[in-house]
C-alpha atoms as a PDB file:
ATOM      1  CA  MET A   1     103.063 -12.151 -33.461  1.00  0.00           C
ATOM      2  CA  GLN A   2     102.549 -11.717 -29.718  1.00  0.00           C
ATOM      3  CA  ILE A   3     100.064 -13.789 -27.720  1.00  0.00           C
ATOM      4  CA  GLN A   4      98.777 -11.780 -24.738  1.00  0.00           C
ATOM      5  CA  LYS A   5      97.008 -13.155 -21.649  1.00  0.00           C
ATOM      6  CA  ASN A   6      93.953 -11.984 -19.670  1.00  0.00           C
ATOM      7  CA  ILE A   7      93.114  -9.048 -21.912  1.00  0.00           C
ATOM      8  CA  SER A   8      89.968  -6.927 -21.472  1.00  0.00           C
ATOM      9  CA  LEU A   9      87.817  -6.944 -24.606  1.00  0.00           C
ATOM     10  CA  LYS A  10      85.833  -3.817 -23.718  1.00  0.00           C
ATOM     11  CA  THR A  11      87.482  -1.701 -26.420  1.00  0.00           C
ATOM     12  CA  TYR A  12      87.354  -4.534 -28.968  1.00  0.00           C
ATOM     13  CA  ASN A  13      83.559  -4.982 -29.133  1.00  0.00           C
ATOM     14  CA  SER A  14      81.033  -2.305 -30.104  1.00  0.00           C
ATOM     15  CA  PHE A  15      78.689  -3.242 -27.226  1.00  0.00           C
ATOM     16  CA  SER A  16      81.558  -2.196 -24.897  1.00  0.00           C
ATOM     17  CA  ILE A  17      81.059  -5.304 -22.766  1.00  0.00           C
ATOM     18  CA  ASP A  18      83.840  -5.613 -20.206  1.00  0.00           C
ATOM     19  CA  VAL A  19      84.849  -9.264 -20.426  1.00  0.00           C
ATOM     20  CA  LYS A  20      88.304 -10.824 -20.575  1.00  0.00           C
ATOM     21  CA  ALA A  21      89.950 -13.125 -23.086  1.00  0.00           C
ATOM     22  CA  ALA A  22      92.284 -15.755 -21.665  1.00  0.00           C
ATOM     23  CA  TYR A  23      94.488 -15.244 -24.746  1.00  0.00           C
ATOM     24  CA  PHE A  24      94.491 -12.448 -27.309  1.00  0.00           C
ATOM     25  CA  VAL A  25      96.485 -11.742 -30.461  1.00  0.00           C
ATOM     26  CA  GLN A  26      96.452  -9.020 -33.096  1.00  0.00           C
ATOM     27  CA  ILE A  27      97.473  -9.946 -36.640  1.00  0.00           C
ATOM     28  CA  ASN A  28      98.739  -6.876 -38.465  1.00  0.00           C
ATOM     29  CA  HIS A  29     100.498  -8.452 -41.459  1.00  0.00           C
ATOM     30  CA  SER A  30      99.620 -11.383 -43.704  1.00  0.00           C
ATOM     31  CA  ASP A  31     103.044 -12.953 -43.148  1.00  0.00           C
ATOM     32  CA  GLU A  32     101.963 -13.614 -39.536  1.00  0.00           C
ATOM     33  CA  PHE A  33      99.215 -16.027 -40.624  1.00  0.00           C
ATOM     34  CA  PRO A  34     101.433 -19.166 -40.764  1.00  0.00           C
ATOM     35  CA  ALA A  35     102.652 -18.654 -37.181  1.00  0.00           C
ATOM     36  CA  LEU A  36      99.077 -18.046 -36.022  1.00  0.00           C
ATOM     37  CA  ILE A  37      97.792 -21.218 -37.696  1.00  0.00           C
ATOM     38  CA  GLU A  38     100.642 -23.214 -36.154  1.00  0.00           C
ATOM     39  CA  TRP A  39      99.907 -21.834 -32.659  1.00  0.00           C
ATOM     40  CA  VAL A  40      96.179 -22.570 -32.931  1.00  0.00           C
ATOM     41  CA  ASN A  41      96.793 -26.151 -34.072  1.00  0.00           C
ATOM     42  CA  GLN A  42      99.335 -26.793 -31.318  1.00  0.00           C
ATOM     43  CA  HIS A  43      97.030 -25.676 -28.480  1.00  0.00           C
ATOM     44  CA  ASP A  44      93.853 -27.423 -27.426  1.00  0.00           C
ATOM     45  CA  LEU A  45      91.902 -24.203 -26.945  1.00  0.00           C
ATOM     46  CA  PRO A  46      88.758 -22.696 -28.440  1.00  0.00           C
ATOM     47  CA  PHE A  47      89.313 -19.597 -30.560  1.00  0.00           C
ATOM     48  CA  ILE A  48      87.315 -16.928 -32.326  1.00  0.00           C
ATOM     49  CA  ILE A  49      88.216 -14.514 -35.108  1.00  0.00           C
ATOM     50  CA  LEU A  50      87.361 -10.901 -34.371  1.00  0.00           C
ATOM     51  CA  GLY A  51      87.321  -8.026 -36.811  1.00  0.00           C
ATOM     52  CA  GLY A  52      85.798  -4.744 -35.719  1.00  0.00           C
ATOM     53  CA  GLY A  53      83.811  -6.453 -32.947  1.00  0.00           C
ATOM     54  CA  SER A  54      80.565  -4.981 -34.296  1.00  0.00           C
ATOM     55  CA  ASN A  55      78.674  -8.235 -34.753  1.00  0.00           C
ATOM     56  CA  ILE A  56      79.341 -10.094 -31.523  1.00  0.00           C
ATOM     57  CA  LEU A  57      77.936 -10.193 -27.990  1.00  0.00           C
ATOM     58  CA  PHE A  58      80.153 -11.552 -25.229  1.00  0.00           C
ATOM     59  CA  SER A  59      77.946 -12.777 -22.386  1.00  0.00           C
ATOM     60  CA  GLN A  60      80.872 -14.027 -20.298  1.00  0.00           C
ATOM     61  CA  ASP A  61      84.683 -14.154 -20.221  1.00  0.00           C
ATOM     62  CA  TYR A  62      86.198 -16.046 -23.154  1.00  0.00           C
ATOM     63  CA  LYS A  63      88.436 -18.922 -22.055  1.00  0.00           C
ATOM     64  CA  GLY A  64      90.221 -19.369 -25.368  1.00  0.00           C
ATOM     65  CA  LEU A  65      92.110 -17.267 -27.937  1.00  0.00           C
ATOM     66  CA  VAL A  66      90.595 -14.139 -29.484  1.00  0.00           C
ATOM     67  CA  ILE A  67      92.208 -13.334 -32.847  1.00  0.00           C
ATOM     68  CA  GLN A  68      91.846  -9.779 -34.103  1.00  0.00           C
ATOM     69  CA  ILE A  69      92.630  -9.278 -37.791  1.00  0.00           C
ATOM     70  CA  ASN A  70      94.098  -5.847 -38.577  1.00  0.00           C
ATOM     71  CA  THR A  71      95.683  -6.485 -41.991  1.00  0.00           C
ATOM     72  CA  LYS A  72      95.480  -3.516 -44.350  1.00  0.00           C
ATOM     73  CA  GLY A  73      95.586  -2.937 -48.106  1.00  0.00           C
ATOM     74  CA  LYS A  74      93.230  -2.082 -50.974  1.00  0.00           C
ATOM     75  CA  GLN A  75      93.792  -1.642 -54.700  1.00  0.00           C
ATOM     76  CA  CYS A  76      92.240  -2.048 -58.119  1.00  0.00           C
ATOM     77  CA  ILE A  77      93.790  -5.239 -59.447  1.00  0.00           C
ATOM     78  CA  LYS A  78      92.154  -5.243 -62.888  1.00  0.00           C
ATOM     79  CA  GLU A  79      89.392  -3.759 -64.968  1.00  0.00           C
ATOM     80  CA  THR A  80      87.271  -4.890 -67.871  1.00  0.00           C
ATOM     81  CA  ASP A  81      85.023  -2.948 -70.243  1.00  0.00           C
ATOM     82  CA  SER A  82      82.230  -3.197 -67.676  1.00  0.00           C
ATOM     83  CA  ASP A  83      83.774  -3.520 -64.198  1.00  0.00           C
ATOM     84  CA  TYR A  84      86.539  -2.621 -61.758  1.00  0.00           C
ATOM     85  CA  PHE A  85      87.924  -5.379 -59.532  1.00  0.00           C
ATOM     86  CA  ILE A  86      89.048  -4.138 -56.104  1.00  0.00           C
ATOM     87  CA  GLU A  87      91.045  -6.370 -53.747  1.00  0.00           C
ATOM     88  CA  VAL A  88      90.784  -5.490 -50.054  1.00  0.00           C
ATOM     89  CA  SER A  89      92.487  -6.972 -46.976  1.00  0.00           C
ATOM     90  CA  ALA A  90      90.246  -8.357 -44.241  1.00  0.00           C
ATOM     91  CA  GLY A  91      91.338  -5.864 -41.585  1.00  0.00           C
ATOM     92  CA  GLU A  92      90.230  -2.758 -43.491  1.00  0.00           C
ATOM     93  CA  ASN A  93      87.321  -0.818 -41.996  1.00  0.00           C
ATOM     94  CA  TRP A  94      84.218  -1.336 -44.146  1.00  0.00           C
ATOM     95  CA  HIS A  95      82.888   2.231 -44.159  1.00  0.00           C
ATOM     96  CA  GLN A  96      86.323   3.682 -44.837  1.00  0.00           C
ATOM     97  CA  LEU A  97      86.561   1.294 -47.799  1.00  0.00           C
ATOM     98  CA  VAL A  98      83.207   2.522 -49.141  1.00  0.00           C
ATOM     99  CA  ARG A  99      84.288   6.159 -48.939  1.00  0.00           C
ATOM    100  CA  TRP A 100      87.666   5.319 -50.511  1.00  0.00           C
ATOM    101  CA  THR A 101      86.005   3.659 -53.510  1.00  0.00           C
ATOM    102  CA  ILE A 102      83.826   6.735 -53.995  1.00  0.00           C
ATOM    103  CA  ALA A 103      86.863   9.029 -53.808  1.00  0.00           C
ATOM    104  CA  GLN A 104      88.581   6.871 -56.454  1.00  0.00           C
ATOM    105  CA  GLY A 105      85.589   7.227 -58.779  1.00  0.00           C
ATOM    106  CA  TYR A 106      84.190   3.715 -58.261  1.00  0.00           C
ATOM    107  CA  ALA A 107      80.454   3.243 -57.656  1.00  0.00           C
ATOM    108  CA  GLY A 108      78.505   0.278 -56.284  1.00  0.00           C
ATOM    109  CA  LEU A 109      79.082   0.304 -52.526  1.00  0.00           C
ATOM    110  CA  GLU A 110      77.365   3.614 -51.725  1.00  0.00           C
ATOM    111  CA  ASN A 111      74.216   1.950 -50.302  1.00  0.00           C
ATOM    112  CA  LEU A 112      76.414   0.060 -47.822  1.00  0.00           C
ATOM    113  CA  SER A 113      77.793   3.248 -46.245  1.00  0.00           C
ATOM    114  CA  LEU A 114      78.297   3.480 -42.471  1.00  0.00           C
ATOM    115  CA  ILE A 115      77.862  -0.244 -41.837  1.00  0.00           C
ATOM    116  CA  PRO A 116      80.139  -0.922 -38.848  1.00  0.00           C
ATOM    117  CA  GLY A 117      82.858  -3.549 -38.807  1.00  0.00           C
ATOM    118  CA  ASN A 118      85.719  -4.740 -40.961  1.00  0.00           C
ATOM    119  CA  VAL A 119      85.896  -6.138 -44.475  1.00  0.00           C
ATOM    120  CA  GLY A 120      86.635  -9.707 -43.355  1.00  0.00           C
ATOM    121  CA  ALA A 121      83.293  -9.963 -41.577  1.00  0.00           C
ATOM    122  CA  ALA A 122      81.274  -8.746 -44.566  1.00  0.00           C
ATOM    123  CA  PRO A 123      80.995 -12.102 -46.405  1.00  0.00           C
ATOM    124  CA  ILE A 124      80.260 -14.051 -43.213  1.00  0.00           C
ATOM    125  CA  GLN A 125      77.102 -12.038 -42.661  1.00  0.00           C
ATOM    126  CA  ASN A 126      76.494 -11.117 -46.310  1.00  0.00           C
ATOM    127  CA  ILE A 127      76.008  -7.559 -45.080  1.00  0.00           C
ATOM    128  CA  GLY A 128      73.307  -5.483 -46.697  1.00  0.00           C
ATOM    129  CA  ALA A 129      71.375  -2.236 -46.451  1.00  0.00           C
ATOM    130  CA  TYR A 130      69.040  -0.057 -48.499  1.00  0.00           C
ATOM    131  CA  GLY A 131      68.460  -2.572 -51.276  1.00  0.00           C
ATOM    132  CA  VAL A 132      72.044  -3.803 -51.768  1.00  0.00           C
ATOM    133  CA  GLU A 133      73.819  -6.851 -50.334  1.00  0.00           C
ATOM    134  CA  LEU A 134      77.501  -7.745 -50.467  1.00  0.00           C
ATOM    135  CA  THR A 135      76.705 -10.579 -52.882  1.00  0.00           C
ATOM    136  CA  ASP A 136      75.613  -7.941 -55.446  1.00  0.00           C
ATOM    137  CA  ARG A 137      79.171  -6.560 -55.548  1.00  0.00           C
ATOM    138  CA  PHE A 138      81.171  -9.678 -54.748  1.00  0.00           C
ATOM    139  CA  ASP A 139      83.612 -11.494 -57.026  1.00  0.00           C
ATOM    140  CA  SER A 140      85.744 -13.812 -54.867  1.00  0.00           C
ATOM    141  CA  LEU A 141      87.778 -14.159 -51.684  1.00  0.00           C
ATOM    142  CA  LYS A 142      90.842 -15.875 -50.267  1.00  0.00           C
ATOM    143  CA  ALA A 143      90.576 -17.762 -46.982  1.00  0.00           C
ATOM    144  CA  ILE A 144      92.904 -19.979 -44.987  1.00  0.00           C
ATOM    145  CA  LYS A 145      91.575 -23.291 -43.732  1.00  0.00           C
ATOM    146  CA  ILE A 146      92.716 -23.209 -40.137  1.00  0.00           C
ATOM    147  CA  SER A 147      93.030 -26.955 -39.598  1.00  0.00           C
ATOM    148  CA  THR A 148      95.499 -27.341 -42.497  1.00  0.00           C
ATOM    149  CA  GLY A 149      96.861 -23.868 -43.275  1.00  0.00           C
ATOM    150  CA  GLU A 150      95.731 -24.277 -46.891  1.00  0.00           C
ATOM    151  CA  LEU A 151      94.909 -21.062 -48.776  1.00  0.00           C
ATOM    152  CA  LYS A 152      91.649 -21.520 -50.688  1.00  0.00           C
ATOM    153  CA  HIS A 153      89.895 -19.375 -53.282  1.00  0.00           C
ATOM    154  CA  PHE A 154      86.101 -19.018 -53.098  1.00  0.00           C
ATOM    155  CA  ASP A 155      83.972 -17.674 -55.915  1.00  0.00           C
ATOM    156  CA  LYS A 156      80.469 -16.338 -55.289  1.00  0.00           C
ATOM    157  CA  ALA A 157      78.779 -19.725 -55.687  1.00  0.00           C
ATOM    158  CA  ALA A 158      81.141 -21.370 -53.185  1.00  0.00           C
ATOM    159  CA  CYS A 159      80.299 -18.718 -50.592  1.00  0.00           C
ATOM    160  CA  GLN A 160      76.625 -19.822 -50.621  1.00  0.00           C
ATOM    161  CA  PHE A 161      75.297 -16.354 -49.884  1.00  0.00           C
ATOM    162  CA  SER A 162      71.729 -15.853 -48.700  1.00  0.00           C
ATOM    163  CA  TYR A 163      69.972 -13.323 -46.476  1.00  0.00           C
ATOM    164  CA  ARG A 164      72.517 -12.463 -43.718  1.00  0.00           C
ATOM    165  CA  ASP A 165      74.058 -15.900 -44.199  1.00  0.00           C
ATOM    166  CA  SER A 166      76.898 -17.687 -45.978  1.00  0.00           C
ATOM    167  CA  PHE A 167      79.058 -20.797 -46.068  1.00  0.00           C
ATOM    168  CA  PHE A 168      81.385 -19.105 -43.584  1.00  0.00           C
ATOM    169  CA  LYS A 169      78.635 -18.386 -41.083  1.00  0.00           C
ATOM    170  CA  ALA A 170      77.698 -22.066 -41.194  1.00  0.00           C
ATOM    171  CA  ASN A 171      81.371 -22.984 -40.685  1.00  0.00           C
ATOM    172  CA  LEU A 172      82.428 -20.382 -38.143  1.00  0.00           C
ATOM    173  CA  ASP A 173      86.103 -20.295 -37.183  1.00  0.00           C
ATOM    174  CA  GLN A 174      87.037 -23.017 -39.669  1.00  0.00           C
ATOM    175  CA  TYR A 175      88.344 -20.439 -42.150  1.00  0.00           C
ATOM    176  CA  LEU A 176      90.256 -17.206 -41.713  1.00  0.00           C
ATOM    177  CA  ILE A 177      89.251 -14.756 -44.428  1.00  0.00           C
ATOM    178  CA  GLN A 178      92.360 -13.057 -45.808  1.00  0.00           C
ATOM    179  CA  SER A 179      91.015 -10.741 -48.521  1.00  0.00           C
ATOM    180  CA  LEU A 180      88.047  -9.998 -50.780  1.00  0.00           C
ATOM    181  CA  VAL A 181      87.749  -9.028 -54.419  1.00  0.00           C
ATOM    182  CA  LEU A 182      84.798  -6.756 -55.141  1.00  0.00           C
ATOM    183  CA  LYS A 183      83.350  -6.255 -58.617  1.00  0.00           C
ATOM    184  CA  LEU A 184      82.162  -2.671 -59.084  1.00  0.00           C
ATOM    185  CA  PRO A 185      80.246  -1.680 -62.229  1.00  0.00           C
ATOM    186  CA  LYS A 186      81.495   1.071 -64.547  1.00  0.00           C
ATOM    187  CA  SER A 187      77.857   1.837 -65.416  1.00  0.00           C
ATOM    188  CA  PRO A 188      76.235   2.213 -61.968  1.00  0.00           C
ATOM    189  CA  ASP A 189      72.798   0.757 -61.321  1.00  0.00           C
ATOM    190  CA  TRP A 190      71.672   3.343 -58.771  1.00  0.00           C
ATOM    191  CA  ARG A 191      69.306   1.931 -56.144  1.00  0.00           C
ATOM    192  CA  ILE A 192      67.427   4.801 -54.540  1.00  0.00           C
ATOM    193  CA  ASN A 193      63.883   3.498 -54.194  1.00  0.00           C
ATOM    194  CA  TYR A 194      64.331   2.571 -50.547  1.00  0.00           C
ATOM    195  CA  GLU A 195      62.149   4.688 -48.286  1.00  0.00           C
ATOM    196  CA  GLY A 196      63.800   7.972 -47.336  1.00  0.00           C
ATOM    197  CA  ILE A 197      66.739   8.001 -49.758  1.00  0.00           C
ATOM    198  CA  LYS A 198      65.188  10.210 -52.449  1.00  0.00           C
ATOM    199  CA  ASN A 199      63.976  12.718 -49.856  1.00  0.00           C
ATOM    200  CA  LYS A 200      67.540  13.220 -48.624  1.00  0.00           C
ATOM    201  CA  MET A 201      68.987  13.917 -52.074  1.00  0.00           C
ATOM    202  CA  GLY A 202      66.735  16.609 -53.515  1.00  0.00           C
ATOM    203  CA  SER A 203      67.103  17.316 -57.225  1.00  0.00           C
ATOM    204  CA  GLN A 204      70.886  17.028 -57.568  1.00  0.00           C
ATOM    205  CA  PRO A 205      72.375  14.764 -60.279  1.00  0.00           C
ATOM    206  CA  LEU A 206      72.878  11.214 -59.007  1.00  0.00           C
ATOM    207  CA  SER A 207      76.340  10.165 -57.894  1.00  0.00           C
ATOM    208  CA  ALA A 208      77.833   7.586 -55.553  1.00  0.00           C
ATOM    209  CA  LYS A 209      78.824  10.324 -53.104  1.00  0.00           C
ATOM    210  CA  LEU A 210      75.364  11.888 -53.116  1.00  0.00           C
ATOM    211  CA  ILE A 211      73.708   8.539 -52.358  1.00  0.00           C
ATOM    212  CA  SER A 212      76.334   7.677 -49.745  1.00  0.00           C
ATOM    213  CA  ASP A 213      75.860  11.038 -48.004  1.00  0.00           C
ATOM    214  CA  ALA A 214      72.084  10.547 -47.960  1.00  0.00           C
ATOM    215  CA  ILE A 215      72.385   7.081 -46.473  1.00  0.00           C
ATOM    216  CA  ILE A 216      74.857   8.265 -43.849  1.00  0.00           C
ATOM    217  CA  LYS A 217      72.337  10.908 -42.763  1.00  0.00           C
ATOM    218  CA  LEU A 218      69.547   8.330 -42.625  1.00  0.00           C
ATOM    219  CA  ARG A 219      71.607   5.912 -40.538  1.00  0.00           C
ATOM    220  CA  GLN A 220      72.856   8.625 -38.184  1.00  0.00           C
ATOM    221  CA  LYS A 221      69.298   9.808 -37.606  1.00  0.00           C
ATOM    222  CA  LYS A 222      67.950   6.430 -36.507  1.00  0.00           C
ATOM    223  CA  LEU A 223      70.980   4.460 -35.278  1.00  0.00           C
ATOM    224  CA  PRO A 224      73.220   5.312 -32.307  1.00  0.00           C
ATOM    225  CA  ASP A 225      76.955   5.827 -32.759  1.00  0.00           C
ATOM    226  CA  PRO A 226      78.725   2.803 -31.169  1.00  0.00           C
ATOM    227  CA  ASN A 227      81.460   5.168 -29.973  1.00  0.00           C
ATOM    228  CA  GLU A 228      78.867   6.899 -27.797  1.00  0.00           C
ATOM    229  CA  ILE A 229      76.279   4.180 -27.052  1.00  0.00           C
ATOM    230  CA  GLY A 230      77.259   0.513 -27.090  1.00  0.00           C
ATOM    231  CA  ASN A 231      75.366  -1.399 -29.801  1.00  0.00           C
ATOM    232  CA  VAL A 232      75.804  -3.640 -32.839  1.00  0.00           C
ATOM    233  CA  GLY A 233      73.258  -1.955 -35.070  1.00  0.00           C
ATOM    234  CA  SER A 234      70.338  -4.204 -36.016  1.00  0.00           C
ATOM    235  CA  PHE A 235      70.174  -6.977 -33.438  1.00  0.00           C
ATOM    236  CA  PHE A 236      67.574  -9.167 -35.172  1.00  0.00           C
ATOM    237  CA  LYS A 237      67.133 -10.324 -38.747  1.00  0.00           C
ATOM    238  CA  ASN A 238      64.009  -9.304 -40.608  1.00  0.00           C
ATOM    239  CA  PRO A 239      61.915 -12.515 -40.705  1.00  0.00           C
ATOM    240  CA  ILE A 240      61.257 -14.199 -44.042  1.00  0.00           C
ATOM    241  CA  LEU A 241      57.775 -15.715 -44.318  1.00  0.00           C
ATOM    242  CA  SER A 242      55.764 -17.523 -46.934  1.00  0.00           C
ATOM    243  CA  GLN A 243      53.087 -15.477 -48.659  1.00  0.00           C
ATOM    244  CA  ALA A 244      50.488 -17.748 -47.075  1.00  0.00           C
ATOM    245  CA  GLN A 245      51.833 -16.977 -43.581  1.00  0.00           C
ATOM    246  CA  MET A 246      51.743 -13.269 -44.321  1.00  0.00           C
ATOM    247  CA  ASP A 247      48.179 -13.447 -45.612  1.00  0.00           C
ATOM    248  CA  LEU A 248      47.054 -15.149 -42.388  1.00  0.00           C
ATOM    249  CA  LEU A 249      48.876 -12.645 -40.178  1.00  0.00           C
ATOM    250  CA  ARG A 250      47.420  -9.695 -42.055  1.00  0.00           C
ATOM    251  CA  GLN A 251      43.919 -10.881 -41.230  1.00  0.00           C
ATOM    252  CA  GLN A 252      44.698  -9.835 -37.642  1.00  0.00           C
ATOM    253  CA  HIS A 253      47.397  -7.209 -38.287  1.00  0.00           C
ATOM    254  CA  ALA A 254      46.380  -5.289 -41.403  1.00  0.00           C
ATOM    255  CA  SER A 255      49.262  -2.795 -41.245  1.00  0.00           C
ATOM    256  CA  MET A 256      52.002  -5.436 -40.977  1.00  0.00           C
ATOM    257  CA  PRO A 257      54.656  -4.509 -43.567  1.00  0.00           C
ATOM    258  CA  SER A 258      55.888  -6.923 -46.198  1.00  0.00           C
ATOM    259  CA  TYR A 259      58.427  -6.781 -49.001  1.00  0.00           C
ATOM    260  CA  HIS A 260      58.872  -9.291 -51.806  1.00  0.00           C
ATOM    261  CA  TYR A 261      61.924 -11.457 -51.141  1.00  0.00           C
ATOM    262  CA  ALA A 262      61.974 -14.434 -53.519  1.00  0.00           C
ATOM    263  CA  ASP A 263      59.415 -16.589 -55.291  1.00  0.00           C
ATOM    264  CA  ASP A 264      56.632 -17.183 -52.732  1.00  0.00           C
ATOM    265  CA  GLN A 265      58.517 -15.520 -49.865  1.00  0.00           C
ATOM    266  CA  VAL A 266      58.152 -12.108 -48.276  1.00  0.00           C
ATOM    267  CA  LYS A 267      60.204 -10.254 -45.715  1.00  0.00           C
ATOM    268  CA  THR A 268      58.614  -8.403 -42.828  1.00  0.00           C
ATOM    269  CA  SER A 269      60.022  -5.846 -40.417  1.00  0.00           C
ATOM    270  CA  ALA A 270      61.490  -7.110 -37.146  1.00  0.00           C
ATOM    271  CA  ALA A 271      61.453  -3.513 -35.868  1.00  0.00           C
ATOM    272  CA  TRP A 272      57.697  -3.290 -36.507  1.00  0.00           C
ATOM    273  CA  LEU A 273      57.057  -6.571 -34.669  1.00  0.00           C
ATOM    274  CA  ILE A 274      59.147  -5.484 -31.678  1.00  0.00           C
ATOM    275  CA  ASP A 275      57.517  -2.043 -31.586  1.00  0.00           C
ATOM    276  CA  LYS A 276      54.020  -3.578 -31.666  1.00  0.00           C
ATOM    277  CA  CYS A 277      54.989  -5.669 -28.643  1.00  0.00           C
ATOM    278  CA  GLY A 278      55.751  -2.458 -26.775  1.00  0.00           C
ATOM    279  CA  TRP A 279      59.512  -2.839 -26.413  1.00  0.00           C
ATOM    280  CA  LYS A 280      60.797   0.409 -27.916  1.00  0.00           C
ATOM    281  CA  GLY A 281      62.597   2.385 -25.198  1.00  0.00           C
ATOM    282  CA  LYS A 282      62.142  -0.334 -22.573  1.00  0.00           C
ATOM    283  CA  SER A 283      65.027  -1.446 -20.316  1.00  0.00           C
ATOM    284  CA  HIS A 284      66.242  -4.577 -18.600  1.00  0.00           C
ATOM    285  CA  ALA A 285      68.845  -3.670 -15.977  1.00  0.00           C
ATOM    286  CA  GLN A 286      71.508  -1.712 -17.934  1.00  0.00           C
ATOM    287  CA  ALA A 287      70.376  -3.058 -21.324  1.00  0.00           C
ATOM    288  CA  ALA A 288      67.658  -1.356 -23.353  1.00  0.00           C
ATOM    289  CA  VAL A 289      65.828  -1.122 -26.656  1.00  0.00           C
ATOM    290  CA  TYR A 290      66.858   2.099 -28.384  1.00  0.00           C
ATOM    291  CA  ALA A 291      64.092   4.707 -28.185  1.00  0.00           C
ATOM    292  CA  LYS A 292      64.535   5.731 -31.850  1.00  0.00           C
ATOM    293  CA  HIS A 293      64.671   2.252 -33.384  1.00  0.00           C
ATOM    294  CA  ALA A 294      63.187  -0.932 -31.963  1.00  0.00           C
ATOM    295  CA  LEU A 295      65.664  -3.155 -33.816  1.00  0.00           C
ATOM    296  CA  VAL A 296      68.637  -1.810 -31.855  1.00  0.00           C
ATOM    297  CA  LEU A 297      69.615  -3.064 -28.401  1.00  0.00           C
ATOM    298  CA  ILE A 298      71.938  -0.801 -26.442  1.00  0.00           C
ATOM    299  CA  ASN A 299      74.276  -0.789 -23.487  1.00  0.00           C
ATOM    300  CA  LYS A 300      73.146   2.086 -21.262  1.00  0.00           C
ATOM    301  CA  GLY A 301      76.620   2.262 -19.798  1.00  0.00           C
ATOM    302  CA  ALA A 302      77.304  -0.669 -17.506  1.00  0.00           C
ATOM    303  CA  ALA A 303      75.354  -3.545 -19.038  1.00  0.00           C
ATOM    304  CA  THR A 304      76.697  -7.062 -18.933  1.00  0.00           C
ATOM    305  CA  GLY A 305      76.491  -9.278 -21.978  1.00  0.00           C
ATOM    306  CA  ALA A 306      74.167 -11.542 -20.008  1.00  0.00           C
ATOM    307  CA  GLU A 307      71.721  -8.650 -19.477  1.00  0.00           C
ATOM    308  CA  ILE A 308      71.647  -7.848 -23.187  1.00  0.00           C
ATOM    309  CA  ARG A 309      71.183 -11.529 -24.032  1.00  0.00           C
ATOM    310  CA  GLN A 310      68.317 -11.777 -21.509  1.00  0.00           C
ATOM    311  CA  LEU A 311      66.630  -8.713 -23.011  1.00  0.00           C
ATOM    312  CA  ALA A 312      66.932 -10.243 -26.484  1.00  0.00           C
ATOM    313  CA  GLU A 313      65.380 -13.491 -25.250  1.00  0.00           C
ATOM    314  CA  MET A 314      62.466 -11.639 -23.652  1.00  0.00           C
ATOM    315  CA  ILE A 315      61.820  -9.803 -26.921  1.00  0.00           C
ATOM    316  CA  GLN A 316      61.958 -13.063 -28.889  1.00  0.00           C
ATOM    317  CA  ALA A 317      59.451 -14.692 -26.520  1.00  0.00           C
ATOM    318  CA  SER A 318      57.133 -11.693 -26.721  1.00  0.00           C
ATOM    319  CA  VAL A 319      57.151 -11.547 -30.535  1.00  0.00           C
ATOM    320  CA  HIS A 320      56.613 -15.300 -30.803  1.00  0.00           C
ATOM    321  CA  LYS A 321      53.667 -15.174 -28.408  1.00  0.00           C
ATOM    322  CA  LYS A 322      51.949 -12.309 -30.259  1.00  0.00           C
ATOM    323  CA  PHE A 323      52.751 -13.186 -33.874  1.00  0.00           C
ATOM    324  CA  GLY A 324      54.019 -16.786 -33.896  1.00  0.00           C
ATOM    325  CA  ILE A 325      57.251 -15.563 -35.493  1.00  0.00           C
ATOM    326  CA  SER A 326      60.696 -16.592 -34.244  1.00  0.00           C
ATOM    327  CA  LEU A 327      63.179 -13.716 -34.383  1.00  0.00           C
ATOM    328  CA  GLU A 328      66.784 -14.682 -35.114  1.00  0.00           C
ATOM    329  CA  ALA A 329      69.664 -12.658 -33.702  1.00  0.00           C
ATOM    330  CA  GLU A 330      72.124 -11.146 -36.197  1.00  0.00           C
ATOM    331  CA  PRO A 331      75.198 -10.936 -33.946  1.00  0.00           C
ATOM    332  CA  ARG A 332      77.102 -13.936 -32.723  1.00  0.00           C
ATOM    333  CA  ILE A 333      76.373 -14.560 -29.032  1.00  0.00           C
ATOM    334  CA  LEU A 334      79.079 -16.137 -26.909  1.00  0.00           C
END
C-alpha cells in the first residue's frame, strides 16, 4: 500500500474535473485493507472511498485521503435449484460484470447493462435502470467498519434499500464494501416492458444477451460516453410524489408523466420537469445540460466542479419555482 500526495483526480472521476487530493491510495488486493484501516485511524484526516468515480462531483480540491478500491475477483460460489449465487469484489467494473454473467449463462443483470462505475458503489446507490434495481438481484455483502476494522455481513434487510438509497448512503465512509453476493435466477423473469426495449429487439427469442444489447443501444443513443464527454449519467433522481400531489399538478400540466411506485406514491420524470423549464442544451460557463437528455449535466471540456454545481442549483431552483418539486442530486457533491 502506497500513500501518494497531491495527486490530480482528473482521470479518477467521470466528470473529468481537475482537482487534487492531498493524499491518494489505490487498494488492489484485499490483504491491504488492514493497513489501510490502521492508517486512516491513525491520521486525523477526512477520507472518501472512490470506485469508478462515476457518481461524484468534486467542486474543489480534497484536503484528505481519497481511497480508490481496485480489488478484483468474481465467481459462482453456490447454486440451488432456483438460483446462482455470484460473489464479486468491490473493484470490479459493473458493466463488465454484467457482460461476464451473460457470457457464463447467468441471467438477471441484463437490464443493468452499461451503468458506469464499480461493483462496490452499486449497493450504496441501489443502482437501477429499465425496471430492475440492484435489490432485485441482491443476496448479501461484506463490509469493513472503518472505525474498528471489523468485517461485517449484511443481508438485504440490513442494507435498507430504497429508491437510489441504502444504509450505506446514509452512513457514507463509515463502511468499506469488500464484496457482494448476487442472486441470479435460473428461470429468468424477463423485464422488457420499459419504453423502447421491445422495439430494439424485434422478433428474436428472448435472451439475456439480446436484452442487454438492446439496452446498450438505448443508453448509447441518449447518454454521452464519459470517455468522450465528462458526465455522471443521470444527475437528478426522479421525484417520488403522493398521488394527491400528482393529481393537483396534472390540473395545470396534463402531460406530466407518472409511474406507479408504491402504495399511494408515484414517480415522475426529472428529465421532463427540467425540459419543461427550458434547460435542455443550455450552458453555464463550461457546464451544460446535454442536448439529447435533460437529466444529464456535462463538462464541455474545461468546466470546474463549482460551475457544474452552480448549474445544478439553478435547475433545482427553476423546477421548484415552476412545479413546487425539489429535485435531489444523485451524485455525491464535495
